[in-house]
Amino acid sequence: MSDTPHPPLVESCEELFLEHGDNYLGQGWTKSQANTDRRRDVMLDLMKGRTGPVTLLDFGCGTGQLLEYMRALHIDDVEYTGLDVSDLFIRVAREKFPDVQFHLGDLLAGELELPMFDYIVMNGLFTYRGPVAFDEMSAHWQRLVTAAMTHARIGVAFNVTSPYVDWERDDLFHVPMQLLADFVAASPCPYFRLRHDYELFETTVHAFREPTPARRTEPS
């Protein structure tokens, strides 16, 4: 395993899964199924406007709950692949979806030879930091997102906990907007939008390699 915050964060996630089972609580979300689905919708908005079939990597896929959600919505034009560092989660995901490819390994440790994907989503990897110091978590977040971007043809989505809250929790990763924007603007996917327009206390970033094409309209 690479020298990153992976181990304590993965252990926390696995403990929640063993306690609560294969549901939103077992994946570390505490409020409701509706909030969890809302978060997934915002992640999937990364692919809005796609034309034709595309490929998607669910980076930090857990037990494949995003794929369950996509199938329930009949999203059939997206070829899904999962990736996680947890052997437990990948074993469960492979049992649930034997026809889907799931990768086990740590991208930062040089353990994986991943292909390119059109889109990559990283849902919930950077909202919780547990006992990890903010500076260490910040360095880890930037390294991991940058590594993921090298495998994205079009764009990447990830979320962090918002700094605009009534109070901050020491175990959550509240990222200042300026730090967030400065990092993405200097990344391999420098064209971005910040989603802070939904009811959860977090910010989702949609970052793209190329600017959004201009929309042309016929003259009236």
C-alpha atoms as a PDB file:
ATOM      1  CA  MET A   1       0.000   0.000   0.000  1.00  0.00           C
ATOM      2  CA  SER A   2       1.281   3.485  -0.788  1.00  0.00           C
ATOM      3  CA  ASP A   3       2.126   6.022   1.897  1.00  0.00           C
ATOM      4  CA  THR A   4      -1.267   7.771   1.830  1.00  0.00           C
ATOM      5  CA  PRO A   5      -4.331   8.188   4.076  1.00  0.00           C
ATOM      6  CA  HIS A   6      -5.860   5.111   2.409  1.00  0.00           C
ATOM      7  CA  PRO A   7      -5.479   2.624   5.306  1.00  0.00           C
ATOM      8  CA  PRO A   8      -7.372   4.435   8.135  1.00  0.00           C
ATOM      9  CA  LEU A   9     -10.081   5.677   5.759  1.00  0.00           C
ATOM     10  CA  VAL A  10     -10.578   2.267   4.165  1.00  0.00           C
ATOM     11  CA  GLU A  11     -10.750   0.609   7.580  1.00  0.00           C
ATOM     12  CA  SER A  12     -13.447   3.064   8.654  1.00  0.00           C
ATOM     13  CA  CYS A  13     -15.492   2.350   5.524  1.00  0.00           C
ATOM     14  CA  GLU A  14     -15.200  -1.408   5.930  1.00  0.00           C
ATOM     15  CA  GLU A  15     -16.272  -1.201   9.571  1.00  0.00           C
ATOM     16  CA  LEU A  16     -19.397   0.724   8.559  1.00  0.00           C
ATOM     17  CA  PHE A  17     -20.181  -1.876   5.904  1.00  0.00           C
ATOM     18  CA  LEU A  18     -19.808  -4.746   8.372  1.00  0.00           C
ATOM     19  CA  GLU A  19     -22.035  -2.913  10.860  1.00  0.00           C
ATOM     20  CA  HIS A  20     -24.818  -1.703   8.551  1.00  0.00           C
ATOM     21  CA  GLY A  21     -24.663  -3.894   5.450  1.00  0.00           C
ATOM     22  CA  ASP A  22     -24.844  -3.088   1.762  1.00  0.00           C
ATOM     23  CA  ASN A  23     -26.831   0.150   1.956  1.00  0.00           C
ATOM     24  CA  TYR A  24     -26.137   3.889   2.150  1.00  0.00           C
ATOM     25  CA  LEU A  25     -25.203   3.663   5.844  1.00  0.00           C
ATOM     26  CA  GLY A  26     -22.772   0.884   5.055  1.00  0.00           C
ATOM     27  CA  GLN A  27     -21.099   3.162   2.494  1.00  0.00           C
ATOM     28  CA  GLY A  28     -20.580   5.951   5.022  1.00  0.00           C
ATOM     29  CA  TRP A  29     -23.547   8.237   4.237  1.00  0.00           C
ATOM     30  CA  THR A  30     -25.496   9.090   7.363  1.00  0.00           C
ATOM     31  CA  LYS A  31     -28.552  11.146   6.420  1.00  0.00           C
ATOM     32  CA  SER A  32     -30.898   9.336   4.050  1.00  0.00           C
ATOM     33  CA  GLN A  33     -31.235   7.321   0.872  1.00  0.00           C
ATOM     34  CA  ALA A  34     -32.729  10.382  -0.817  1.00  0.00           C
ATOM     35  CA  ASN A  35     -29.627  12.456  -0.034  1.00  0.00           C
ATOM     36  CA  THR A  36     -27.378   9.652  -1.250  1.00  0.00           C
ATOM     37  CA  ASP A  37     -29.286   9.448  -4.533  1.00  0.00           C
ATOM     38  CA  ARG A  38     -29.167  13.229  -4.934  1.00  0.00           C
ATOM     39  CA  ARG A  39     -25.401  13.095  -4.583  1.00  0.00           C
ATOM     40  CA  ARG A  40     -25.250  10.384  -7.245  1.00  0.00           C
ATOM     41  CA  ASP A  41     -27.373  12.470  -9.592  1.00  0.00           C
ATOM     42  CA  VAL A  42     -24.931  15.368  -9.288  1.00  0.00           C
ATOM     43  CA  MET A  43     -22.025  13.021  -9.991  1.00  0.00           C
ATOM     44  CA  LEU A  44     -23.720  11.587 -13.068  1.00  0.00           C
ATOM     45  CA  ASP A  45     -24.439  15.103 -14.352  1.00  0.00           C
ATOM     46  CA  LEU A  46     -20.764  15.064 -15.364  1.00  0.00           C
ATOM     47  CA  MET A  47     -21.896  13.087 -18.417  1.00  0.00           C
ATOM     48  CA  LYS A  48     -24.836  15.310 -19.306  1.00  0.00           C
ATOM     49  CA  GLY A  49     -24.931  16.109 -23.009  1.00  0.00           C
ATOM     50  CA  ARG A  50     -23.026  12.981 -24.050  1.00  0.00           C
ATOM     51  CA  THR A  51     -23.726  11.646 -27.513  1.00  0.00           C
ATOM     52  CA  GLY A  52     -23.523   7.922 -28.036  1.00  0.00           C
ATOM     53  CA  PRO A  53     -22.152   5.264 -25.681  1.00  0.00           C
ATOM     54  CA  VAL A  54     -19.406   6.296 -23.226  1.00  0.00           C
ATOM     55  CA  THR A  55     -17.190   4.591 -20.673  1.00  0.00           C
ATOM     56  CA  LEU A  56     -17.245   5.417 -16.962  1.00  0.00           C
ATOM     57  CA  LEU A  57     -14.861   4.499 -14.154  1.00  0.00           C
ATOM     58  CA  ASP A  58     -16.392   4.545 -10.666  1.00  0.00           C
ATOM     59  CA  PHE A  59     -13.217   5.339  -8.720  1.00  0.00           C
ATOM     60  CA  GLY A  60     -13.739   4.172  -5.140  1.00  0.00           C
ATOM     61  CA  CYS A  61     -16.743   2.118  -6.191  1.00  0.00           C
ATOM     62  CA  GLY A  62     -17.351   0.303  -2.911  1.00  0.00           C
ATOM     63  CA  THR A  63     -19.837  -2.499  -3.546  1.00  0.00           C
ATOM     64  CA  GLY A  64     -21.074  -1.077  -6.842  1.00  0.00           C
ATOM     65  CA  GLN A  65     -24.068   0.814  -5.486  1.00  0.00           C
ATOM     66  CA  LEU A  66     -23.713   3.491  -8.177  1.00  0.00           C
ATOM     67  CA  LEU A  67     -24.130   0.791 -10.814  1.00  0.00           C
ATOM     68  CA  GLU A  68     -27.277  -0.442  -9.062  1.00  0.00           C
ATOM     69  CA  TYR A  69     -28.610   3.106  -9.166  1.00  0.00           C
ATOM     70  CA  MET A  70     -27.739   3.547 -12.836  1.00  0.00           C
ATOM     71  CA  ARG A  71     -29.459   0.300 -13.768  1.00  0.00           C
ATOM     72  CA  ALA A  72     -32.563   1.325 -11.819  1.00  0.00           C
ATOM     73  CA  LEU A  73     -32.624   4.520 -13.911  1.00  0.00           C
ATOM     74  CA  HIS A  74     -32.107   2.479 -17.121  1.00  0.00           C
ATOM     75  CA  ILE A  75     -28.900   4.305 -18.010  1.00  0.00           C
ATOM     76  CA  ASP A  76     -27.915   1.904 -20.744  1.00  0.00           C
ATOM     77  CA  ASP A  77     -25.487   3.963 -22.838  1.00  0.00           C
ATOM     78  CA  VAL A  78     -22.699   3.967 -20.231  1.00  0.00           C
ATOM     79  CA  GLU A  79     -20.179   1.132 -19.944  1.00  0.00           C
ATOM     80  CA  TYR A  80     -19.393   0.954 -16.215  1.00  0.00           C
ATOM     81  CA  THR A  81     -16.135  -0.182 -14.593  1.00  0.00           C
ATOM     82  CA  GLY A  82     -15.392  -0.150 -10.859  1.00  0.00           C
ATOM     83  CA  LEU A  83     -12.178   0.415  -8.892  1.00  0.00           C
ATOM     84  CA  ASP A  84     -11.484   0.224  -5.165  1.00  0.00           C
ATOM     85  CA  VAL A  85      -8.598  -0.424  -2.775  1.00  0.00           C
ATOM     86  CA  SER A  86     -10.763  -2.561  -0.488  1.00  0.00           C
ATOM     87  CA  ASP A  87     -10.604  -6.294  -1.110  1.00  0.00           C
ATOM     88  CA  LEU A  88     -13.837  -6.682   0.868  1.00  0.00           C
ATOM     89  CA  PHE A  89     -15.766  -4.237  -1.296  1.00  0.00           C
ATOM     90  CA  ILE A  90     -14.449  -5.614  -4.563  1.00  0.00           C
ATOM     91  CA  ARG A  91     -15.327  -9.182  -3.565  1.00  0.00           C
ATOM     92  CA  VAL A  92     -18.909  -8.118  -2.789  1.00  0.00           C
ATOM     93  CA  ALA A  93     -19.173  -6.081  -6.006  1.00  0.00           C
ATOM     94  CA  ARG A  94     -17.931  -8.984  -8.139  1.00  0.00           C
ATOM     95  CA  GLU A  95     -20.443 -11.323  -6.524  1.00  0.00           C
ATOM     96  CA  LYS A  96     -23.267  -8.878  -7.268  1.00  0.00           C
ATOM     97  CA  PHE A  97     -22.170  -8.099 -10.825  1.00  0.00           C
ATOM     98  CA  PRO A  98     -20.197 -11.026 -12.270  1.00  0.00           C
ATOM     99  CA  ASP A  99     -20.569  -9.538 -15.763  1.00  0.00           C
ATOM    100  CA  VAL A 100     -18.865  -6.233 -14.830  1.00  0.00           C
ATOM    101  CA  GLN A 101     -15.153  -5.470 -14.555  1.00  0.00           C
ATOM    102  CA  PHE A 102     -13.953  -4.392 -11.113  1.00  0.00           C
ATOM    103  CA  HIS A 103     -10.321  -3.501 -10.450  1.00  0.00           C
ATOM    104  CA  LEU A 104      -8.682  -3.983  -7.049  1.00  0.00           C
ATOM    105  CA  GLY A 105      -5.654  -1.840  -6.237  1.00  0.00           C
ATOM    106  CA  ASP A 106      -4.119   1.507  -5.366  1.00  0.00           C
ATOM    107  CA  LEU A 107      -3.451   3.793  -8.336  1.00  0.00           C
ATOM    108  CA  LEU A 108      -0.903   5.805  -6.340  1.00  0.00           C
ATOM    109  CA  ALA A 109       1.143   2.713  -5.543  1.00  0.00           C
ATOM    110  CA  GLY A 110       1.727   1.870  -9.181  1.00  0.00           C
ATOM    111  CA  GLU A 111      -0.233  -1.378  -8.785  1.00  0.00           C
ATOM    112  CA  LEU A 112      -2.603  -0.801 -11.692  1.00  0.00           C
ATOM    113  CA  GLU A 113      -2.453  -0.472 -15.434  1.00  0.00           C
ATOM    114  CA  LEU A 114      -5.751   1.239 -16.095  1.00  0.00           C
ATOM    115  CA  PRO A 115      -7.027   2.022 -19.577  1.00  0.00           C
ATOM    116  CA  MET A 116      -8.504   5.375 -20.515  1.00  0.00           C
ATOM    117  CA  PHE A 117     -12.141   6.125 -19.725  1.00  0.00           C
ATOM    118  CA  ASP A 118     -14.356   8.885 -21.068  1.00  0.00           C
ATOM    119  CA  TYR A 119     -15.453   9.879 -17.575  1.00  0.00           C
ATOM    120  CA  ILE A 120     -14.334   9.161 -14.009  1.00  0.00           C
ATOM    121  CA  VAL A 121     -16.403   9.799 -10.868  1.00  0.00           C
ATOM    122  CA  MET A 122     -14.951   9.840  -7.363  1.00  0.00           C
ATOM    123  CA  ASN A 123     -17.924   9.995  -5.012  1.00  0.00           C
ATOM    124  CA  GLY A 124     -17.256  10.311  -1.279  1.00  0.00           C
ATOM    125  CA  LEU A 125     -13.508   9.794  -1.377  1.00  0.00           C
ATOM    126  CA  PHE A 126     -12.745  13.299  -0.075  1.00  0.00           C
ATOM    127  CA  THR A 127     -15.654  14.252   2.176  1.00  0.00           C
ATOM    128  CA  TYR A 128     -14.347  12.406   5.259  1.00  0.00           C
ATOM    129  CA  ARG A 129     -10.811  12.564   6.638  1.00  0.00           C
ATOM    130  CA  GLY A 130     -11.223  10.917  10.051  1.00  0.00           C
ATOM    131  CA  PRO A 131      -7.956  11.053  12.020  1.00  0.00           C
ATOM    132  CA  VAL A 132      -5.921  12.262   9.015  1.00  0.00           C
ATOM    133  CA  ALA A 133      -4.531  15.808   9.362  1.00  0.00           C
ATOM    134  CA  PHE A 134      -5.951  18.407   6.950  1.00  0.00           C
ATOM    135  CA  ASP A 135      -2.643  19.057   5.177  1.00  0.00           C
ATOM    136  CA  GLU A 136      -2.001  15.341   4.683  1.00  0.00           C
ATOM    137  CA  MET A 137      -5.536  14.809   3.386  1.00  0.00           C
ATOM    138  CA  SER A 138      -5.189  17.809   1.076  1.00  0.00           C
ATOM    139  CA  ALA A 139      -1.979  16.447  -0.439  1.00  0.00           C
ATOM    140  CA  HIS A 140      -3.564  13.005  -0.840  1.00  0.00           C
ATOM    141  CA  TRP A 141      -6.697  14.446  -2.473  1.00  0.00           C
ATOM    142  CA  GLN A 142      -4.666  16.420  -5.000  1.00  0.00           C
ATOM    143  CA  ARG A 143      -2.366  13.487  -5.836  1.00  0.00           C
ATOM    144  CA  LEU A 144      -5.247  11.065  -6.289  1.00  0.00           C
ATOM    145  CA  VAL A 145      -7.429  13.351  -8.400  1.00  0.00           C
ATOM    146  CA  THR A 146      -4.453  14.272 -10.590  1.00  0.00           C
ATOM    147  CA  ALA A 147      -3.639  10.577 -11.088  1.00  0.00           C
ATOM    148  CA  ALA A 148      -7.263   9.843 -11.997  1.00  0.00           C
ATOM    149  CA  MET A 149      -7.322  12.684 -14.502  1.00  0.00           C
ATOM    150  CA  THR A 150      -4.532  11.046 -16.490  1.00  0.00           C
ATOM    151  CA  HIS A 151      -7.006   8.247 -17.277  1.00  0.00           C
ATOM    152  CA  ALA A 152      -9.938  10.482 -18.273  1.00  0.00           C
ATOM    153  CA  ARG A 153     -10.517  11.410 -21.921  1.00  0.00           C
ATOM    154  CA  ILE A 154     -13.243  13.934 -21.168  1.00  0.00           C
ATOM    155  CA  GLY A 155     -13.727  14.692 -17.491  1.00  0.00           C
ATOM    156  CA  VAL A 156     -13.681  13.832 -13.801  1.00  0.00           C
ATOM    157  CA  ALA A 157     -16.126  14.509 -10.966  1.00  0.00           C
ATOM    158  CA  PHE A 158     -15.307  14.509  -7.252  1.00  0.00           C
ATOM    159  CA  ASN A 159     -16.782  16.011  -4.103  1.00  0.00           C
ATOM    160  CA  VAL A 160     -15.500  17.527  -0.877  1.00  0.00           C
ATOM    161  CA  THR A 161     -17.257  18.852   2.212  1.00  0.00           C
ATOM    162  CA  SER A 162     -18.276  22.495   1.916  1.00  0.00           C
ATOM    163  CA  PRO A 163     -16.660  25.185   4.082  1.00  0.00           C
ATOM    164  CA  TYR A 164     -20.013  27.019   4.128  1.00  0.00           C
ATOM    165  CA  VAL A 165     -21.629  25.295   7.085  1.00  0.00           C
ATOM    166  CA  ASP A 166     -22.983  26.339  10.485  1.00  0.00           C
ATOM    167  CA  TRP A 167     -20.009  24.601  12.068  1.00  0.00           C
ATOM    168  CA  GLU A 168     -17.130  22.448  10.846  1.00  0.00           C
ATOM    169  CA  ARG A 169     -16.480  18.915  11.997  1.00  0.00           C
ATOM    170  CA  ASP A 170     -12.916  17.859  12.706  1.00  0.00           C
ATOM    171  CA  ASP A 171     -13.402  14.520  10.944  1.00  0.00           C
ATOM    172  CA  LEU A 172     -14.705  15.991   7.663  1.00  0.00           C
ATOM    173  CA  PHE A 173     -12.673  17.451   4.814  1.00  0.00           C
ATOM    174  CA  HIS A 174     -13.881  21.061   4.503  1.00  0.00           C
ATOM    175  CA  VAL A 175     -11.991  22.492   1.515  1.00  0.00           C
ATOM    176  CA  PRO A 176     -11.874  26.294   0.993  1.00  0.00           C
ATOM    177  CA  MET A 177     -13.242  27.329  -2.393  1.00  0.00           C
ATOM    178  CA  GLN A 178     -10.063  29.182  -3.361  1.00  0.00           C
ATOM    179  CA  LEU A 179      -7.909  26.121  -2.685  1.00  0.00           C
ATOM    180  CA  LEU A 180     -10.359  23.980  -4.650  1.00  0.00           C
ATOM    181  CA  ALA A 181     -10.427  26.300  -7.672  1.00  0.00           C
ATOM    182  CA  ASP A 182      -6.669  26.911  -7.682  1.00  0.00           C
ATOM    183  CA  PHE A 183      -5.950  23.178  -7.684  1.00  0.00           C
ATOM    184  CA  VAL A 184      -8.365  22.295 -10.495  1.00  0.00           C
ATOM    185  CA  ALA A 185      -7.337  25.267 -12.653  1.00  0.00           C
ATOM    186  CA  ALA A 186      -3.744  23.990 -12.631  1.00  0.00           C
ATOM    187  CA  SER A 187      -4.708  20.336 -13.172  1.00  0.00           C
ATOM    188  CA  PRO A 188      -4.811  18.238 -16.378  1.00  0.00           C
ATOM    189  CA  CYS A 189      -8.568  19.042 -16.500  1.00  0.00           C
ATOM    190  CA  PRO A 190      -8.528  22.826 -16.001  1.00  0.00           C
ATOM    191  CA  TYR A 191     -12.013  23.623 -17.338  1.00  0.00           C
ATOM    192  CA  PHE A 192     -14.429  23.165 -14.491  1.00  0.00           C
ATOM    193  CA  ARG A 193     -17.694  23.967 -12.818  1.00  0.00           C
ATOM    194  CA  LEU A 194     -18.301  23.974  -9.063  1.00  0.00           C
ATOM    195  CA  ARG A 195     -21.630  22.468  -8.041  1.00  0.00           C
ATOM    196  CA  HIS A 196     -22.725  24.110  -4.817  1.00  0.00           C
ATOM    197  CA  ASP A 197     -26.352  24.394  -5.877  1.00  0.00           C
ATOM    198  CA  TYR A 198     -27.867  21.360  -4.164  1.00  0.00           C
ATOM    199  CA  GLU A 199     -29.063  20.878  -0.617  1.00  0.00           C
ATOM    200  CA  LEU A 200     -26.118  18.930   0.837  1.00  0.00           C
ATOM    201  CA  PHE A 201     -23.194  20.517   2.661  1.00  0.00           C
ATOM    202  CA  GLU A 202     -20.631  19.741  -0.011  1.00  0.00           C
ATOM    203  CA  THR A 203     -19.150  20.907  -3.282  1.00  0.00           C
ATOM    204  CA  THR A 204     -18.938  18.706  -6.371  1.00  0.00           C
ATOM    205  CA  VAL A 205     -16.415  19.573  -9.056  1.00  0.00           C
ATOM    206  CA  HIS A 206     -16.918  18.668 -12.722  1.00  0.00           C
ATOM    207  CA  ALA A 207     -13.506  19.086 -14.373  1.00  0.00           C
ATOM    208  CA  PHE A 208     -12.871  18.694 -18.116  1.00  0.00           C
ATOM    209  CA  ARG A 209      -9.852  18.421 -20.396  1.00  0.00           C
ATOM    210  CA  GLU A 210     -11.380  20.754 -22.976  1.00  0.00           C
ATOM    211  CA  PRO A 211     -13.763  23.702 -22.712  1.00  0.00           C
ATOM    212  CA  THR A 212     -17.454  23.071 -23.278  1.00  0.00           C
ATOM    213  CA  PRO A 213     -18.243  23.546 -26.965  1.00  0.00           C
ATOM    214  CA  ALA A 214     -20.281  26.657 -27.721  1.00  0.00           C
ATOM    215  CA  ARG A 215     -23.927  26.035 -28.484  1.00  0.00           C
ATOM    216  CA  ARG A 216     -24.957  27.301 -31.876  1.00  0.00           C
ATOM    217  CA  THR A 217     -28.488  28.360 -32.634  1.00  0.00           C
ATOM    218  CA  GLU A 218     -30.101  29.030 -35.943  1.00  0.00           C
ATOM    219  CA  PRO A 219     -30.831  32.707 -36.641  1.00  0.00           C
ATOM    220  CA  SER A 220     -34.444  33.654 -36.049  1.00  0.00           C
END
